């Protein structure tokens, strides 16, 4: 009984960080499963991407991050999604907030501003959102670990900025831009709530003379 009592807290400590990564890996696995299904002849899931200013294309706000043109496209997004998503899950513990909010806000933004008669697919908008989220989170919280993570993201993924510039054939710069904007907005709001001081039981305050 004594031995079990000493080892049990260690097990909980070890399982905590690993448990936070489960959602990240699960979402990525779902992307791969969908792409495998889409590779079956006569199956065309890419048609359900974002179609700007089309009522039918609104479904793409939800499906866009899970659809890719081919396995090469998916592989190009998978590494950054896994790294940045894991950093969000481990350091901010806001993975689901970031994932859902960036996908929805970024998808709606793409639906509003992208050129008509186009289809926008891929998780790159979410990847841009993740990068922007981590940088904004570090600026907002001003904690050493968060700042170090933000600097690391800028150093490693700073080249992503090019992807928000228009004029690149076959690249949804609108999706990248809207995803990045969504990441900034969500991180700024979420980090601000985290920093808000508790005021339980306090009455109105009076400014000092």
Protein backbone atom coordinates (compact mmCIF):
# COMPACT_ATOMS: atom_id res chain seq x y z
CA UNK A 1 0.00 0.00 0.00
CA UNK A 2 2.85 2.38 0.87
CA UNK A 3 4.58 1.83 -2.47
CA UNK A 4 1.36 2.46 -4.41
CA UNK A 5 0.75 5.64 -2.46
CA UNK A 6 4.15 7.05 -3.48
CA UNK A 7 4.03 6.17 -7.17
CA UNK A 8 0.43 7.21 -7.92
CA UNK A 9 1.07 11.02 -7.97
CA UNK A 10 3.99 10.49 -10.34
CA UNK A 11 1.75 8.60 -12.71
CA UNK A 12 -0.79 11.42 -12.71
CA UNK A 13 1.98 13.95 -13.39
CA UNK A 14 3.28 11.95 -16.32
CA UNK A 15 -0.14 11.40 -17.85
CA UNK A 16 -1.12 15.10 -17.71
CA UNK A 17 1.02 16.45 -20.58
CA UNK A 18 0.39 13.35 -22.68
CA UNK A 19 -3.35 13.66 -22.18
CA UNK A 20 -3.25 17.24 -23.46
CA UNK A 21 -1.78 16.02 -26.75
CA UNK A 22 -4.58 13.54 -27.43
CA UNK A 23 -6.91 16.14 -29.03
CA UNK A 24 -4.11 17.40 -31.30
CA UNK A 25 -3.24 13.91 -32.52
CA UNK A 26 -6.92 12.99 -32.86
CA UNK A 27 -7.70 15.98 -35.09
CA UNK A 28 -4.65 15.26 -37.24
CA UNK A 29 -5.65 11.59 -37.51
CA UNK A 30 -9.12 12.67 -38.63
CA UNK A 31 -7.56 14.78 -41.39
CA UNK A 32 -5.62 11.76 -42.63
CA UNK A 33 -8.66 9.48 -42.44
CA UNK A 34 -10.71 11.96 -44.50
CA UNK A 35 -7.96 12.27 -47.10
CA UNK A 36 -7.73 8.48 -47.39
CA UNK A 37 -11.48 8.36 -48.04
CA UNK A 38 -11.18 11.22 -50.54
CA UNK A 39 -8.53 9.25 -52.44
CA UNK A 40 -11.08 6.56 -53.29
CA UNK A 41 -12.12 6.79 -56.97
CA UNK A 42 -15.44 8.59 -57.55
CA UNK A 43 -15.22 10.28 -54.13
CA UNK A 44 -14.77 14.06 -54.20
CA UNK A 45 -14.92 15.56 -50.73
CA UNK A 46 -12.98 18.67 -51.76
CA UNK A 47 -16.15 20.12 -53.25
CA UNK A 48 -17.29 20.78 -49.68
CA UNK A 49 -14.62 23.39 -49.05
CA UNK A 50 -15.33 27.08 -48.56
CA UNK A 51 -17.12 28.59 -51.57
CA UNK A 52 -17.04 32.37 -51.06
CA UNK A 53 -20.41 34.09 -50.68
CA UNK A 54 -22.29 30.95 -51.61
CA UNK A 55 -24.87 29.53 -49.21
CA UNK A 56 -23.78 26.00 -50.15
CA UNK A 57 -20.19 26.98 -49.46
CA UNK A 58 -20.85 27.86 -45.82
CA UNK A 59 -20.39 24.21 -44.88
CA UNK A 60 -16.74 24.72 -45.73
CA UNK A 61 -16.34 26.87 -42.63
CA UNK A 62 -16.46 23.59 -40.70
CA UNK A 63 -14.93 21.21 -43.25
CA UNK A 64 -12.15 23.35 -44.76
CA UNK A 65 -9.36 22.37 -42.29
CA UNK A 66 -10.03 18.66 -42.85
CA UNK A 67 -9.94 18.69 -46.66
CA UNK A 68 -6.76 18.66 -48.75
CA UNK A 69 -5.96 18.53 -52.43
CA UNK A 70 -3.77 15.45 -52.07
CA UNK A 71 -1.48 13.69 -49.63
CA UNK A 72 1.36 16.07 -50.45
CA UNK A 73 -0.81 18.99 -49.43
CA UNK A 74 -1.78 17.23 -46.21
CA UNK A 75 1.82 16.32 -45.38
CA UNK A 76 2.87 19.94 -45.87
CA UNK A 77 0.37 21.01 -43.20
CA UNK A 78 0.70 18.06 -40.82
CA UNK A 79 4.09 18.86 -39.31
CA UNK A 80 3.32 22.48 -38.46
CA UNK A 81 -0.16 21.57 -37.22
CA UNK A 82 1.28 18.94 -34.88
CA UNK A 83 4.08 21.15 -33.54
CA UNK A 84 2.07 24.35 -33.10
CA UNK A 85 -1.04 22.55 -31.88
CA UNK A 86 1.03 20.67 -29.30
CA UNK A 87 2.60 23.91 -28.08
CA UNK A 88 -0.85 25.42 -27.60
CA UNK A 89 -2.08 22.33 -25.78
CA UNK A 90 0.95 22.14 -23.48
CA UNK A 91 1.67 25.79 -22.71
CA UNK A 92 -1.73 27.49 -22.88
CA UNK A 93 -4.09 24.52 -22.42
CA UNK A 94 -6.46 26.20 -24.89
CA UNK A 95 -6.23 23.81 -27.84
CA UNK A 96 -9.96 23.31 -28.40
CA UNK A 97 -10.66 27.02 -28.02
CA UNK A 98 -7.94 27.84 -30.54
CA UNK A 99 -8.88 25.07 -32.96
CA UNK A 100 -12.61 25.74 -33.10
CA UNK A 101 -12.44 29.53 -32.96
CA UNK A 102 -9.71 29.88 -35.57
CA UNK A 103 -11.43 27.43 -37.91
CA UNK A 104 -14.80 29.18 -37.64
CA UNK A 105 -13.62 32.81 -37.65
CA UNK A 106 -10.98 32.17 -40.30
CA UNK A 107 -13.42 30.18 -42.42
CA UNK A 108 -16.07 32.87 -42.25
CA UNK A 109 -13.51 35.51 -43.12
CA UNK A 110 -12.39 33.49 -46.14
CA UNK A 111 -16.02 33.03 -47.18
CA UNK A 112 -16.50 36.79 -47.05
CA UNK A 113 -13.37 38.12 -48.80
CA UNK A 114 -12.10 35.42 -51.16
CA UNK A 115 -12.75 35.59 -54.87
CA UNK A 116 -16.04 34.08 -56.07
CA UNK A 117 -16.23 30.77 -57.96
CA UNK A 118 -13.30 29.33 -56.00
CA UNK A 119 -12.97 26.53 -53.46
CA UNK A 120 -10.74 26.87 -50.42
CA UNK A 121 -9.49 23.78 -48.59
CA UNK A 122 -6.68 22.83 -46.23
CA UNK A 123 -5.53 23.23 -42.63
CA UNK A 124 -3.00 25.94 -43.45
CA UNK A 125 -5.39 28.66 -42.26
CA UNK A 126 -5.53 26.95 -38.88
CA UNK A 127 -1.73 26.60 -38.89
CA UNK A 128 -1.38 30.35 -39.48
CA UNK A 129 -3.90 30.90 -36.71
CA UNK A 130 -1.95 28.67 -34.32
CA UNK A 131 1.29 30.58 -35.00
CA UNK A 132 -0.41 33.95 -34.51
CA UNK A 133 -2.13 32.63 -31.37
CA UNK A 134 1.15 31.59 -29.74
CA UNK A 135 2.92 34.86 -30.56
CA UNK A 136 -0.01 36.94 -29.31
CA UNK A 137 -0.34 34.79 -26.19
CA UNK A 138 3.31 35.43 -25.30
CA UNK A 139 2.92 39.17 -25.82
CA UNK A 140 -0.29 39.26 -23.80
CA UNK A 141 0.70 37.13 -20.78
CA UNK A 142 4.31 38.38 -20.56
CA UNK A 143 5.36 35.14 -18.90
CA UNK A 144 8.88 33.89 -19.56
CA UNK A 145 7.85 30.50 -20.97
CA UNK A 146 5.15 32.01 -23.18
CA UNK A 147 7.55 34.67 -24.46
CA UNK A 148 10.19 32.03 -25.26
CA UNK A 149 7.61 29.98 -27.15
CA UNK A 150 6.53 33.09 -29.07
CA UNK A 151 10.12 33.90 -30.03
CA UNK A 152 10.69 30.30 -31.12
CA UNK A 153 7.58 30.39 -33.32
CA UNK A 154 8.75 33.64 -34.93
CA UNK A 155 12.22 32.22 -35.60
CA UNK A 156 11.03 28.87 -36.99
CA UNK A 157 7.81 29.88 -38.71
CA UNK A 158 8.42 33.56 -39.48
CA UNK A 159 8.54 32.73 -43.19
CA UNK A 160 4.81 32.01 -43.07
CA UNK A 161 4.23 35.75 -43.41
CA UNK A 162 4.80 35.40 -47.15
CA UNK A 163 1.70 33.22 -47.35
CA UNK A 164 -0.64 36.10 -46.47
CA UNK A 165 0.46 38.12 -49.50
CA UNK A 166 -1.87 38.06 -52.52
CA UNK A 167 -0.90 37.00 -56.01
CA UNK A 168 0.32 33.45 -55.37
CA UNK A 169 -1.39 31.01 -57.76
CA UNK A 170 -3.12 28.10 -56.06
CA UNK A 171 -2.55 29.52 -52.58
CA UNK A 172 -5.45 30.67 -50.42
CA UNK A 173 -3.79 33.77 -49.02
CA UNK A 174 -7.23 34.84 -47.82
CA UNK A 175 -7.47 31.68 -45.71
CA UNK A 176 -3.99 32.29 -44.32
CA UNK A 177 -4.71 35.94 -43.53
CA UNK A 178 -8.10 35.29 -41.93
CA UNK A 179 -6.69 32.40 -39.91
CA UNK A 180 -3.86 34.59 -38.60
CA UNK A 181 -6.25 37.41 -37.69
CA UNK A 182 -8.48 34.91 -35.89
CA UNK A 183 -5.48 33.59 -33.94
CA UNK A 184 -4.56 37.09 -32.78
CA UNK A 185 -8.13 37.93 -31.72
CA UNK A 186 -8.75 34.67 -29.86
CA UNK A 187 -5.40 34.70 -28.04
CA UNK A 188 -5.77 38.35 -27.04
CA UNK A 189 -9.23 37.67 -25.60
CA UNK A 190 -8.34 34.36 -23.90
CA UNK A 191 -5.08 35.61 -22.37
CA UNK A 192 -6.86 38.73 -21.13
CA UNK A 193 -9.43 36.63 -19.28
CA UNK A 194 -6.63 34.59 -17.74
CA UNK A 195 -4.88 37.71 -16.45
CA UNK A 196 -8.03 39.32 -15.03
CA UNK A 197 -7.68 39.62 -11.23
CA UNK A 198 -10.32 38.13 -8.96
CA UNK A 199 -12.58 40.63 -7.18
CA UNK A 200 -14.78 38.30 -5.14
CA UNK A 201 -16.55 40.01 -2.28
CA UNK A 202 -15.15 43.47 -3.00
CA UNK A 203 -17.36 46.51 -2.97
CA UNK A 204 -16.96 49.63 -5.08
CA UNK A 205 -13.49 51.11 -4.98
CA UNK A 206 -12.55 54.74 -4.51
CA UNK A 207 -9.59 56.30 -6.30
CA UNK A 208 -6.76 57.58 -4.11
CA UNK A 209 -6.41 61.34 -3.83
